Amino acid sequence: MLMRSEPFTEVNRLAQQLFGATPTGTWSRPTAMPVDAIRNGDEFVIALDLPGVDPDAIDIDVERNVLTVRAERRPIDLGEHATVQLTERPLGVFSRQLFLGDALDTDRIDAAYDNGVLVLRIPIAEKAKPR
């Protein structure tokens, strides 16, 4: 039986975690969050994955048809005697920008956060609806 061995895989993974070579987001280097964008009748629905993020650490802003969502996932506080054995959950600041069309009413965005998913509902502007 032939077994393939990659002796440096674990070393490389640890080095990437220590030196920040992975796209996990840090307080100084934001990373993107997964997103779905769906047209549903007279509204546009955007869903962003933000598991483990406190709702108070989410910021939503629209300026000149650019939607910016920023969120921060903070480490859990286990006290001063805790020793990390393994850490794979990305921490820090995450951000995503989406360009919205003029057909959307960005003054009436509805936001809901449930089970780690931020859902934004943006109505289609009345002027953009077919007559």
N, C-alpha and C. Protein backbone atom coordinates (compact mmCIF):
# COMPACT_ATOMS: atom_id res chain seq x y z
N MET A 1 0.85 -1.17 0.00
CA MET A 1 0.00 0.00 0.00
C MET A 1 0.89 1.24 0.00
N LEU A 2 0.57 2.17 -0.85
CA LEU A 2 1.34 3.40 -0.97
C LEU A 2 0.59 4.52 -0.26
N MET A 3 1.28 5.20 0.62
CA MET A 3 0.67 6.33 1.33
C MET A 3 1.44 7.59 1.00
N ARG A 4 0.73 8.60 0.62
CA ARG A 4 1.37 9.87 0.30
C ARG A 4 1.47 10.71 1.57
N SER A 5 2.63 11.26 1.80
CA SER A 5 2.85 12.06 3.01
C SER A 5 3.23 13.48 2.63
N GLU A 6 2.64 14.43 3.31
CA GLU A 6 2.96 15.85 3.13
C GLU A 6 3.49 16.36 4.46
N PRO A 7 4.79 16.20 4.72
CA PRO A 7 5.32 16.51 6.05
C PRO A 7 5.22 17.98 6.45
N PHE A 8 5.13 18.88 5.49
CA PHE A 8 5.16 20.30 5.85
C PHE A 8 3.77 20.95 5.85
N THR A 9 2.74 20.18 5.58
CA THR A 9 1.38 20.74 5.53
C THR A 9 1.01 21.41 6.84
N GLU A 10 1.19 20.71 7.95
CA GLU A 10 0.82 21.27 9.25
C GLU A 10 1.71 22.45 9.62
N VAL A 11 3.00 22.36 9.30
CA VAL A 11 3.93 23.47 9.58
C VAL A 11 3.52 24.71 8.78
N ASN A 12 3.18 24.51 7.50
CA ASN A 12 2.75 25.64 6.67
C ASN A 12 1.46 26.27 7.20
N ARG A 13 0.51 25.44 7.63
CA ARG A 13 -0.75 25.96 8.16
C ARG A 13 -0.50 26.79 9.41
N LEU A 14 0.36 26.30 10.30
CA LEU A 14 0.67 27.05 11.52
C LEU A 14 1.40 28.36 11.20
N ALA A 15 2.33 28.32 10.26
CA ALA A 15 3.06 29.53 9.87
C ALA A 15 2.11 30.57 9.28
N GLN A 16 1.15 30.12 8.47
CA GLN A 16 0.19 31.05 7.89
C GLN A 16 -0.66 31.71 8.97
N GLN A 17 -1.05 30.93 9.98
CA GLN A 17 -1.83 31.50 11.07
C GLN A 17 -1.00 32.50 11.87
N LEU A 18 0.24 32.15 12.15
CA LEU A 18 1.08 33.02 12.96
C LEU A 18 1.45 34.31 12.25
N PHE A 19 1.74 34.22 10.96
CA PHE A 19 2.26 35.38 10.24
C PHE A 19 1.22 36.07 9.37
N GLY A 20 -0.02 35.65 9.47
CA GLY A 20 -1.10 36.37 8.80
C GLY A 20 -1.18 36.19 7.31
N ALA A 21 -0.74 35.06 6.79
CA ALA A 21 -0.78 34.85 5.35
C ALA A 21 -2.13 34.29 4.88
N THR A 22 -3.05 34.06 5.78
CA THR A 22 -4.35 33.54 5.39
C THR A 22 -5.36 34.67 5.32
N PRO A 23 -6.38 34.55 4.48
CA PRO A 23 -7.39 35.61 4.34
C PRO A 23 -8.43 35.56 5.45
N THR A 24 -8.00 35.56 6.70
CA THR A 24 -8.94 35.43 7.80
C THR A 24 -9.39 36.76 8.37
N GLY A 25 -8.81 37.83 7.96
CA GLY A 25 -9.20 39.14 8.47
C GLY A 25 -8.53 39.45 9.79
N THR A 26 -8.02 40.63 9.90
CA THR A 26 -7.43 41.09 11.14
C THR A 26 -7.95 42.49 11.39
N TRP A 27 -7.60 43.03 12.52
CA TRP A 27 -8.07 44.38 12.82
C TRP A 27 -7.46 45.39 11.84
N SER A 28 -6.33 45.06 11.23
CA SER A 28 -5.73 46.00 10.30
C SER A 28 -5.98 45.62 8.84
N ARG A 29 -6.36 44.37 8.58
CA ARG A 29 -6.60 43.92 7.20
C ARG A 29 -7.98 43.28 7.09
N PRO A 30 -9.00 44.03 6.71
CA PRO A 30 -10.33 43.44 6.59
C PRO A 30 -10.38 42.42 5.45
N THR A 31 -11.27 41.48 5.58
CA THR A 31 -11.49 40.49 4.53
C THR A 31 -12.97 40.47 4.17
N ALA A 32 -13.29 39.89 3.05
CA ALA A 32 -14.68 39.87 2.58
C ALA A 32 -15.47 38.78 3.30
N MET A 33 -16.77 38.93 3.27
CA MET A 33 -17.68 37.93 3.84
C MET A 33 -18.53 37.37 2.71
N PRO A 34 -18.90 36.08 2.77
CA PRO A 34 -19.73 35.50 1.71
C PRO A 34 -21.08 36.22 1.61
N VAL A 35 -21.56 36.37 0.38
CA VAL A 35 -22.80 37.12 0.16
C VAL A 35 -23.65 36.45 -0.92
N ASP A 36 -24.97 36.54 -0.76
CA ASP A 36 -25.93 36.19 -1.80
C ASP A 36 -26.74 37.45 -2.09
N ALA A 37 -27.04 37.69 -3.36
CA ALA A 37 -27.87 38.83 -3.77
C ALA A 37 -28.99 38.29 -4.66
N ILE A 38 -30.23 38.58 -4.28
CA ILE A 38 -31.39 37.98 -4.94
C ILE A 38 -32.44 39.05 -5.22
N ARG A 39 -32.97 39.06 -6.42
CA ARG A 39 -34.13 39.91 -6.75
C ARG A 39 -35.37 39.09 -6.43
N ASN A 40 -36.24 39.63 -5.59
CA ASN A 40 -37.46 38.93 -5.19
C ASN A 40 -38.64 39.88 -5.35
N GLY A 41 -39.27 39.86 -6.49
CA GLY A 41 -40.41 40.74 -6.75
C GLY A 41 -40.01 42.19 -6.71
N ASP A 42 -40.60 42.95 -5.77
CA ASP A 42 -40.34 44.38 -5.66
C ASP A 42 -39.26 44.72 -4.65
N GLU A 43 -38.40 43.75 -4.34
CA GLU A 43 -37.30 44.04 -3.42
C GLU A 43 -36.05 43.28 -3.84
N PHE A 44 -34.94 43.77 -3.34
CA PHE A 44 -33.63 43.17 -3.56
C PHE A 44 -33.17 42.67 -2.20
N VAL A 45 -32.80 41.40 -2.10
CA VAL A 45 -32.42 40.79 -0.83
C VAL A 45 -30.93 40.44 -0.87
N ILE A 46 -30.22 40.88 0.16
CA ILE A 46 -28.79 40.58 0.29
C ILE A 46 -28.59 39.82 1.60
N ALA A 47 -27.95 38.66 1.53
CA ALA A 47 -27.67 37.86 2.72
C ALA A 47 -26.16 37.72 2.87
N LEU A 48 -25.66 38.05 4.06
CA LEU A 48 -24.22 37.99 4.33
C LEU A 48 -23.97 37.07 5.53
N ASP A 49 -23.02 36.16 5.39
CA ASP A 49 -22.67 35.25 6.48
C ASP A 49 -21.76 35.95 7.48
N LEU A 50 -22.22 36.01 8.74
CA LEU A 50 -21.44 36.61 9.82
C LEU A 50 -21.57 35.78 11.09
N PRO A 51 -21.23 34.49 11.05
CA PRO A 51 -21.40 33.66 12.25
C PRO A 51 -20.49 34.12 13.38
N GLY A 52 -21.02 34.10 14.58
CA GLY A 52 -20.23 34.45 15.75
C GLY A 52 -20.01 35.93 15.97
N VAL A 53 -20.68 36.78 15.19
CA VAL A 53 -20.51 38.23 15.32
C VAL A 53 -21.64 38.79 16.18
N ASP A 54 -21.27 39.59 17.16
CA ASP A 54 -22.25 40.28 18.01
C ASP A 54 -23.00 41.30 17.14
N PRO A 55 -24.34 41.33 17.20
CA PRO A 55 -25.09 42.30 16.40
C PRO A 55 -24.64 43.74 16.61
N ASP A 56 -24.16 44.08 17.80
CA ASP A 56 -23.68 45.44 18.06
C ASP A 56 -22.36 45.74 17.36
N ALA A 57 -21.70 44.71 16.81
CA ALA A 57 -20.42 44.90 16.13
C ALA A 57 -20.59 44.94 14.61
N ILE A 58 -21.83 45.16 14.15
CA ILE A 58 -22.12 45.23 12.72
C ILE A 58 -22.48 46.67 12.36
N ASP A 59 -21.86 47.19 11.30
CA ASP A 59 -22.12 48.55 10.84
C ASP A 59 -22.54 48.49 9.37
N ILE A 60 -23.68 49.11 9.05
CA ILE A 60 -24.20 49.15 7.69
C ILE A 60 -24.27 50.61 7.26
N ASP A 61 -23.70 50.91 6.08
CA ASP A 61 -23.68 52.29 5.60
C ASP A 61 -23.91 52.30 4.09
N VAL A 62 -24.67 53.27 3.61
CA VAL A 62 -24.84 53.47 2.18
C VAL A 62 -24.46 54.90 1.86
N GLU A 63 -23.54 55.05 0.93
CA GLU A 63 -23.13 56.38 0.49
C GLU A 63 -22.92 56.34 -1.02
N ARG A 64 -23.66 57.18 -1.73
CA ARG A 64 -23.58 57.26 -3.18
C ARG A 64 -23.75 55.89 -3.85
N ASN A 65 -24.77 55.17 -3.44
CA ASN A 65 -25.10 53.85 -3.98
C ASN A 65 -24.06 52.77 -3.71
N VAL A 66 -23.19 52.99 -2.75
CA VAL A 66 -22.24 51.96 -2.33
C VAL A 66 -22.65 51.50 -0.94
N LEU A 67 -23.04 50.23 -0.84
CA LEU A 67 -23.40 49.63 0.44
C LEU A 67 -22.13 49.05 1.06
N THR A 68 -21.84 49.46 2.29
CA THR A 68 -20.68 48.94 3.01
C THR A 68 -21.16 48.27 4.29
N VAL A 69 -20.78 47.02 4.46
CA VAL A 69 -21.08 46.28 5.69
C VAL A 69 -19.74 45.93 6.33
N ARG A 70 -19.59 46.36 7.58
CA ARG A 70 -18.39 46.04 8.36
C ARG A 70 -18.83 45.34 9.63
N ALA A 71 -18.06 44.33 10.00
CA ALA A 71 -18.37 43.58 11.22
C ALA A 71 -17.07 43.15 11.87
N GLU A 72 -17.14 42.96 13.18
CA GLU A 72 -15.95 42.53 13.91
C GLU A 72 -16.28 41.30 14.76
N ARG A 73 -15.52 40.24 14.53
CA ARG A 73 -15.65 39.04 15.36
C ARG A 73 -14.51 39.08 16.36
N ARG A 74 -14.87 39.14 17.63
CA ARG A 74 -13.88 39.26 18.70
C ARG A 74 -13.62 37.89 19.33
N PRO A 75 -12.43 37.70 19.90
CA PRO A 75 -12.16 36.43 20.57
C PRO A 75 -12.99 36.31 21.84
N ILE A 76 -13.29 35.08 22.22
CA ILE A 76 -14.01 34.88 23.47
C ILE A 76 -13.04 35.08 24.62
N ASP A 77 -13.53 35.61 25.72
CA ASP A 77 -12.69 35.89 26.89
C ASP A 77 -12.76 34.70 27.84
N LEU A 78 -11.64 34.00 27.96
CA LEU A 78 -11.58 32.83 28.85
C LEU A 78 -10.71 33.08 30.07
N GLY A 79 -10.26 34.31 30.24
CA GLY A 79 -9.43 34.62 31.40
C GLY A 79 -7.95 34.53 31.09
N GLU A 80 -7.16 34.91 32.06
CA GLU A 80 -5.71 35.02 31.84
C GLU A 80 -4.98 33.68 31.86
N HIS A 81 -5.60 32.63 32.38
CA HIS A 81 -4.91 31.34 32.49
C HIS A 81 -5.18 30.41 31.31
N ALA A 82 -5.97 30.85 30.35
CA ALA A 82 -6.29 30.01 29.19
C ALA A 82 -5.10 29.96 28.24
N THR A 83 -4.84 28.79 27.69
CA THR A 83 -3.77 28.60 26.72
C THR A 83 -4.39 28.06 25.44
N VAL A 84 -4.20 28.76 24.35
CA VAL A 84 -4.77 28.35 23.07
C VAL A 84 -4.04 27.11 22.58
N GLN A 85 -4.80 26.08 22.23
CA GLN A 85 -4.24 24.84 21.69
C GLN A 85 -4.40 24.78 20.18
N LEU A 86 -5.48 25.36 19.68
CA LEU A 86 -5.76 25.38 18.25
C LEU A 86 -6.70 26.55 17.99
N THR A 87 -6.43 27.29 16.94
CA THR A 87 -7.33 28.39 16.58
C THR A 87 -7.48 28.42 15.06
N GLU A 88 -8.69 28.21 14.59
CA GLU A 88 -8.98 28.25 13.16
C GLU A 88 -10.08 29.25 12.81
N ARG A 89 -10.81 29.72 13.81
CA ARG A 89 -11.88 30.67 13.56
C ARG A 89 -11.30 32.04 13.25
N PRO A 90 -11.65 32.62 12.10
CA PRO A 90 -11.12 33.94 11.79
C PRO A 90 -11.67 35.00 12.74
N LEU A 91 -10.80 35.86 13.19
CA LEU A 91 -11.18 36.96 14.09
C LEU A 91 -10.82 38.28 13.43
N GLY A 92 -11.37 39.33 13.94
CA GLY A 92 -11.02 40.66 13.47
C GLY A 92 -12.15 41.31 12.70
N VAL A 93 -11.77 42.22 11.82
CA VAL A 93 -12.71 43.04 11.07
C VAL A 93 -12.94 42.42 9.70
N PHE A 94 -14.21 42.33 9.32
CA PHE A 94 -14.60 41.85 8.01
C PHE A 94 -15.38 42.95 7.33
N SER A 95 -15.21 43.10 6.02
CA SER A 95 -15.99 44.14 5.33
C SER A 95 -16.35 43.67 3.93
N ARG A 96 -17.43 44.27 3.45
CA ARG A 96 -17.88 43.97 2.09
C ARG A 96 -18.54 45.22 1.53
N GLN A 97 -18.21 45.55 0.28
CA GLN A 97 -18.85 46.68 -0.39
C GLN A 97 -19.57 46.16 -1.62
N LEU A 98 -20.78 46.64 -1.82
CA LEU A 98 -21.57 46.29 -2.99
C LEU A 98 -22.07 47.57 -3.64
N PHE A 99 -22.00 47.61 -4.96
CA PHE A 99 -22.50 48.77 -5.69
C PHE A 99 -23.97 48.52 -6.02
N LEU A 100 -24.83 49.43 -5.57
CA LEU A 100 -26.27 49.30 -5.76
C LEU A 100 -26.72 50.18 -6.91
N GLY A 101 -27.66 49.69 -7.68
CA GLY A 101 -28.18 50.46 -8.80
C GLY A 101 -29.09 51.58 -8.34
N ASP A 102 -29.35 52.52 -9.24
CA ASP A 102 -30.24 53.64 -8.95
C ASP A 102 -31.68 53.20 -8.76
N ALA A 103 -32.00 51.98 -9.17
CA ALA A 103 -33.38 51.50 -9.09
C ALA A 103 -33.79 51.09 -7.68
N LEU A 104 -32.86 51.13 -6.72
CA LEU A 104 -33.16 50.71 -5.35
C LEU A 104 -33.38 51.91 -4.45
N ASP A 105 -34.32 51.75 -3.51
CA ASP A 105 -34.64 52.80 -2.54
C ASP A 105 -33.76 52.58 -1.30
N THR A 106 -32.56 53.11 -1.32
CA THR A 106 -31.59 52.87 -0.25
C THR A 106 -31.94 53.59 1.05
N ASP A 107 -32.95 54.45 1.03
CA ASP A 107 -33.39 55.11 2.27
C ASP A 107 -34.30 54.20 3.10
N ARG A 108 -34.72 53.08 2.53
CA ARG A 108 -35.66 52.20 3.23
C ARG A 108 -35.11 50.77 3.38
N ILE A 109 -33.85 50.64 3.72
CA ILE A 109 -33.25 49.32 3.92
C ILE A 109 -33.74 48.74 5.24
N ASP A 110 -34.16 47.48 5.19
CA ASP A 110 -34.56 46.75 6.40
C ASP A 110 -33.49 45.70 6.67
N ALA A 111 -32.97 45.66 7.90
CA ALA A 111 -31.91 44.71 8.26
C ALA A 111 -32.38 43.79 9.37
N ALA A 112 -32.04 42.51 9.24
CA ALA A 112 -32.34 41.52 10.28
C ALA A 112 -31.13 40.60 10.40
N TYR A 113 -30.81 40.22 11.64
CA TYR A 113 -29.66 39.34 11.90
C TYR A 113 -30.15 38.14 12.69
N ASP A 114 -30.04 36.95 12.10
CA ASP A 114 -30.54 35.75 12.75
C ASP A 114 -29.66 34.57 12.38
N ASN A 115 -29.28 33.77 13.37
CA ASN A 115 -28.46 32.58 13.16
C ASN A 115 -27.18 32.86 12.38
N GLY A 116 -26.56 34.00 12.63
CA GLY A 116 -25.29 34.33 11.99
C GLY A 116 -25.40 34.84 10.57
N VAL A 117 -26.62 35.14 10.12
CA VAL A 117 -26.81 35.66 8.76
C VAL A 117 -27.47 37.03 8.84
N LEU A 118 -26.82 38.02 8.22
CA LEU A 118 -27.39 39.36 8.12
C LEU A 118 -28.16 39.43 6.81
N VAL A 119 -29.47 39.74 6.90
CA VAL A 119 -30.31 39.84 5.71
C VAL A 119 -30.75 41.29 5.56
N LEU A 120 -30.42 41.87 4.41
CA LEU A 120 -30.82 43.23 4.08
C LEU A 120 -31.87 43.16 2.99
N ARG A 121 -32.98 43.87 3.19
CA ARG A 121 -34.04 43.93 2.19
C ARG A 121 -34.14 45.38 1.72
N ILE A 122 -33.95 45.56 0.42
CA ILE A 122 -33.96 46.91 -0.15
C ILE A 122 -35.08 46.96 -1.19
N PRO A 123 -36.08 47.81 -0.98
CA PRO A 123 -37.18 47.89 -1.95
C PRO A 123 -36.73 48.51 -3.27
N ILE A 124 -37.40 48.07 -4.33
CA ILE A 124 -37.19 48.70 -5.63
C ILE A 124 -37.87 50.07 -5.57
N ALA A 125 -37.18 51.10 -6.04
CA ALA A 125 -37.74 52.46 -6.02
C ALA A 125 -38.98 52.53 -6.90
N GLU A 126 -39.96 53.32 -6.46
CA GLU A 126 -41.21 53.46 -7.21
C GLU A 126 -40.96 53.92 -8.64
N LYS A 127 -40.00 54.83 -8.82
CA LYS A 127 -39.72 55.37 -10.16
C LYS A 127 -39.15 54.31 -11.10
N ALA A 128 -38.62 53.21 -10.54
CA ALA A 128 -38.02 52.17 -11.37
C ALA A 128 -38.98 51.02 -11.68
N LYS A 129 -40.15 51.01 -11.03
CA LYS A 129 -41.11 49.93 -11.27
C LYS A 129 -41.80 50.14 -12.61
N PRO A 130 -42.06 49.04 -13.33
CA PRO A 130 -42.77 49.19 -14.61
C PRO A 130 -44.21 49.66 -14.38
N ARG A 131 -44.72 50.41 -15.32
CA ARG A 131 -46.08 50.95 -15.18
C ARG A 131 -47.03 50.23 -16.08
